[in-house]
């Protein structure tokens, strides 16, 4: 996500290291007798023989990239139970002119027979002015405005519905433009472009979300 989040994570990690170093300096070194006692207690436990860490299984990332269609990826999620179908959505990580990631755009299909043929999630950075809705346009055409749904530590998210006309415009288009307003600069507008190269192929392979 945004570069400032990465910087914040690094700063938090470094400060944690400082705290741990201070704790180590404040605590007296264990005596040989105490070390032997702790080793004996851990020899039959999860820590392994002689206090060695035998490790734990790492949970796999439930998502993976199944295919790439020009500027769009097909991001799939492994089924939780055997026999279930995997769910795949089309996905694009959006960057600013310097190449830093600033937003995410994902789309999945909906069942036929509804005026809304696809659902999408747009993730914008924290610090976005929520009272100014997110705006989406294609190739400089008339924009639509959408409300933000919620925010987490990872950013603020708009969950939007796309009509057949919206999808057709993206299939024919060159780029979609997302417009957000920073909370610290409410008089400014930030425009982020999403390439539409490969949109049709990725959309055709995206899963139809039934619920």
Protein backbone atom coordinates (compact mmCIF):
# COMPACT_ATOMS: atom_id res chain seq x y z
CA UNK A 1 0.00 0.00 0.00
CA UNK A 2 1.12 3.66 0.29
CA UNK A 3 4.77 4.42 0.96
CA UNK A 4 4.01 6.22 4.23
CA UNK A 5 2.54 3.01 5.64
CA UNK A 6 5.75 1.17 4.82
CA UNK A 7 7.76 3.90 6.51
CA UNK A 8 5.53 3.70 9.54
CA UNK A 9 6.02 -0.07 9.76
CA UNK A 10 9.80 0.30 9.55
CA UNK A 11 9.77 3.00 12.22
CA UNK A 12 7.66 0.79 14.48
CA UNK A 13 10.04 -2.12 13.95
CA UNK A 14 13.07 0.01 14.80
CA UNK A 15 11.42 1.39 17.92
CA UNK A 16 10.57 -2.15 18.99
CA UNK A 17 14.23 -3.08 18.63
CA UNK A 18 15.17 -0.12 20.82
CA UNK A 19 12.74 -1.22 23.52
CA UNK A 20 14.03 -4.80 23.43
CA UNK A 21 17.64 -3.58 23.68
CA UNK A 22 16.74 -1.48 26.69
CA UNK A 23 15.05 -4.43 28.35
CA UNK A 24 18.08 -6.63 27.72
CA UNK A 25 20.36 -4.02 29.25
CA UNK A 26 18.16 -3.67 32.31
CA UNK A 27 17.76 -7.39 33.01
CA UNK A 28 20.70 -9.18 34.71
CA UNK A 29 22.34 -12.02 32.82
CA UNK A 30 21.06 -15.45 33.89
CA UNK A 31 23.35 -17.55 36.04
CA UNK A 32 24.67 -20.88 34.70
CA UNK A 33 22.43 -22.68 37.20
CA UNK A 34 19.34 -20.86 35.90
CA UNK A 35 20.27 -21.63 32.30
CA UNK A 36 20.66 -25.34 33.08
CA UNK A 37 17.32 -25.38 34.89
CA UNK A 38 15.52 -23.69 31.99
CA UNK A 39 17.16 -26.10 29.54
CA UNK A 40 15.97 -29.07 31.54
CA UNK A 41 12.40 -27.72 31.71
CA UNK A 42 12.26 -27.19 27.93
CA UNK A 43 13.83 -30.48 26.87
CA UNK A 44 10.46 -32.26 26.65
CA UNK A 45 8.41 -29.26 25.57
CA UNK A 46 7.56 -27.52 22.33
CA UNK A 47 10.88 -25.69 22.37
CA UNK A 48 12.67 -28.94 21.56
CA UNK A 49 15.70 -30.66 23.01
CA UNK A 50 18.18 -28.38 24.71
CA UNK A 51 15.94 -25.36 24.37
CA UNK A 52 16.13 -25.39 20.55
CA UNK A 53 13.09 -24.05 18.73
CA UNK A 54 11.67 -26.82 16.53
CA UNK A 55 9.48 -24.38 14.61
CA UNK A 56 5.81 -24.12 13.77
CA UNK A 57 3.90 -24.48 10.52
CA UNK A 58 3.45 -21.20 8.66
CA UNK A 59 -0.03 -20.51 7.30
CA UNK A 60 -0.03 -20.13 3.54
CA UNK A 61 -1.21 -16.90 1.97
CA UNK A 62 -4.75 -17.81 0.85
CA UNK A 63 -4.40 -15.73 -2.31
CA UNK A 64 -2.20 -16.18 -5.35
CA UNK A 65 -1.88 -14.77 -8.88
CA UNK A 66 -3.31 -17.31 -11.33
CA UNK A 67 -2.87 -15.37 -14.56
CA UNK A 68 -1.84 -11.98 -15.92
CA UNK A 69 -3.64 -10.19 -18.75
CA UNK A 70 -1.49 -7.20 -19.69
CA UNK A 71 -2.02 -4.72 -16.83
CA UNK A 72 -4.57 -6.81 -14.92
CA UNK A 73 -3.93 -9.84 -12.74
CA UNK A 74 -6.31 -12.65 -11.91
CA UNK A 75 -6.01 -12.94 -8.12
CA UNK A 76 -7.48 -16.18 -6.75
CA UNK A 77 -8.22 -17.42 -3.25
CA UNK A 78 -7.64 -21.03 -2.27
CA UNK A 79 -10.85 -22.78 -1.15
CA UNK A 80 -11.22 -23.34 2.59
CA UNK A 81 -12.61 -26.86 2.16
CA UNK A 82 -12.06 -29.65 -0.34
CA UNK A 83 -14.56 -29.59 -3.17
CA UNK A 84 -15.17 -25.85 -3.03
CA UNK A 85 -14.40 -23.73 -6.06
CA UNK A 86 -11.69 -21.12 -5.88
CA UNK A 87 -12.79 -17.51 -6.21
CA UNK A 88 -10.88 -15.24 -8.57
CA UNK A 89 -11.09 -11.47 -8.97
CA UNK A 90 -9.33 -9.19 -11.41
CA UNK A 91 -6.82 -6.95 -9.67
CA UNK A 92 -4.51 -4.02 -10.36
CA UNK A 93 -2.12 -2.26 -8.00
CA UNK A 94 -2.16 1.45 -8.83
CA UNK A 95 0.93 3.63 -8.56
CA UNK A 96 1.71 7.32 -8.75
CA UNK A 97 4.19 8.90 -11.16
CA UNK A 98 7.16 7.92 -8.97
CA UNK A 99 6.17 4.26 -9.02
CA UNK A 100 4.99 4.11 -5.41
CA UNK A 101 1.77 2.12 -4.80
CA UNK A 102 -1.11 4.35 -3.76
CA UNK A 103 -4.31 2.38 -4.38
CA UNK A 104 -5.77 -0.99 -5.34
CA UNK A 105 -8.58 -1.82 -7.76
CA UNK A 106 -10.30 -5.22 -7.80
CA UNK A 107 -13.41 -6.40 -9.68
CA UNK A 108 -15.55 -9.54 -9.57
CA UNK A 109 -18.61 -10.52 -11.61
CA UNK A 110 -22.18 -10.85 -10.35
CA UNK A 111 -24.94 -13.20 -11.57
CA UNK A 112 -26.83 -12.27 -14.73
CA UNK A 113 -30.24 -10.66 -14.55
CA UNK A 114 -29.27 -7.77 -12.31
CA UNK A 115 -28.71 -4.14 -13.32
CA UNK A 116 -25.40 -4.38 -11.47
CA UNK A 117 -23.20 -6.85 -13.37
CA UNK A 118 -20.02 -6.49 -11.34
CA UNK A 119 -18.82 -5.43 -7.93
CA UNK A 120 -15.55 -3.61 -7.30
CA UNK A 121 -13.43 -2.58 -4.35
CA UNK A 122 -11.19 0.47 -4.55
CA UNK A 123 -8.65 0.87 -1.74
CA UNK A 124 -7.43 4.42 -1.13
CA UNK A 125 -4.73 5.57 1.33
CA UNK A 126 -5.46 6.49 4.92
CA UNK A 127 -5.72 10.25 5.24
CA UNK A 128 -8.29 10.46 2.45
CA UNK A 129 -11.13 12.93 3.05
CA UNK A 130 -14.11 10.63 3.44
CA UNK A 131 -16.77 13.31 3.07
CA UNK A 132 -15.51 13.84 -0.49
CA UNK A 133 -16.60 10.66 -2.23
CA UNK A 134 -14.29 8.74 -4.51
CA UNK A 135 -14.86 9.45 -8.22
CA UNK A 136 -14.37 7.13 -11.18
CA UNK A 137 -14.32 8.02 -14.87
CA UNK A 138 -13.20 6.37 -18.11
CA UNK A 139 -11.14 8.17 -20.77
CA UNK A 140 -12.13 11.61 -19.51
CA UNK A 141 -15.85 10.88 -19.63
CA UNK A 142 -18.42 11.89 -17.05
CA UNK A 143 -17.40 10.67 -13.60
CA UNK A 144 -19.48 8.76 -11.09
CA UNK A 145 -19.18 9.36 -7.35
CA UNK A 146 -19.14 6.57 -4.75
CA UNK A 147 -19.17 6.64 -0.95
CA UNK A 148 -16.45 5.03 1.17
CA UNK A 149 -17.61 1.89 2.98
CA UNK A 150 -15.03 1.52 5.76
CA UNK A 151 -11.40 2.09 6.76
CA UNK A 152 -8.78 -0.21 8.30
CA UNK A 153 -5.08 0.16 9.09
CA UNK A 154 -4.46 -0.72 5.43
CA UNK A 155 -6.52 2.12 3.95
CA UNK A 156 -10.06 3.28 3.17
CA UNK A 157 -12.29 1.19 0.94
CA UNK A 158 -15.15 1.95 -1.44
CA UNK A 159 -17.30 -1.03 -2.43
CA UNK A 160 -19.08 -0.10 -5.63
CA UNK A 161 -21.50 -1.62 -8.14
CA UNK A 162 -20.81 -1.45 -11.88
CA UNK A 163 -23.55 -1.54 -14.49
CA UNK A 164 -23.36 -3.11 -17.94
CA UNK A 165 -22.70 0.35 -19.36
CA UNK A 166 -19.83 0.89 -16.91
CA UNK A 167 -18.21 -2.43 -17.85
CA UNK A 168 -18.70 -1.82 -21.59
CA UNK A 169 -17.01 1.56 -21.26
CA UNK A 170 -14.03 -0.06 -19.51
CA UNK A 171 -13.79 -2.78 -22.16
CA UNK A 172 -13.61 -0.11 -24.87
CA UNK A 173 -11.50 2.33 -22.87
CA UNK A 174 -7.80 3.04 -22.46
CA UNK A 175 -7.71 4.14 -18.83
CA UNK A 176 -9.96 4.62 -15.82
CA UNK A 177 -9.22 7.55 -13.54
CA UNK A 178 -9.84 7.49 -9.80
CA UNK A 179 -10.06 10.82 -8.03
CA UNK A 180 -9.60 11.26 -4.26
CA UNK A 181 -9.18 14.27 -1.97
CA UNK A 182 -6.51 14.34 0.77
CA UNK A 183 -7.81 15.21 4.24
CA UNK A 184 -4.83 17.52 4.89
CA UNK A 185 -5.35 19.35 1.59
CA UNK A 186 -9.11 19.44 0.97
CA UNK A 187 -8.68 22.00 -1.82
CA UNK A 188 -6.62 19.54 -3.88
CA UNK A 189 -7.61 16.54 -5.98
CA UNK A 190 -5.43 13.50 -6.56
CA UNK A 191 -6.05 11.56 -9.77
CA UNK A 192 -4.80 8.00 -10.13
CA UNK A 193 -4.95 6.20 -13.47
CA UNK A 194 -5.78 2.52 -13.88
CA UNK A 195 -4.82 0.99 -17.22
CA UNK A 196 -7.60 -0.86 -19.03
CA UNK A 197 -5.21 -2.96 -21.13
CA UNK A 198 -6.23 -6.58 -20.70
CA UNK A 199 -9.49 -5.63 -18.97
CA UNK A 200 -11.80 -7.76 -21.16
CA UNK A 201 -9.71 -10.94 -20.88
CA UNK A 202 -9.37 -10.58 -17.11
CA UNK A 203 -13.08 -9.82 -16.67
CA UNK A 204 -14.09 -12.90 -18.65
CA UNK A 205 -12.00 -15.10 -16.30
CA UNK A 206 -13.14 -13.48 -13.04
CA UNK A 207 -15.44 -15.55 -10.83
CA UNK A 208 -19.16 -14.92 -10.56
CA UNK A 209 -19.85 -14.16 -6.92
CA UNK A 210 -23.16 -15.77 -5.99
CA UNK A 211 -23.71 -14.20 -2.57
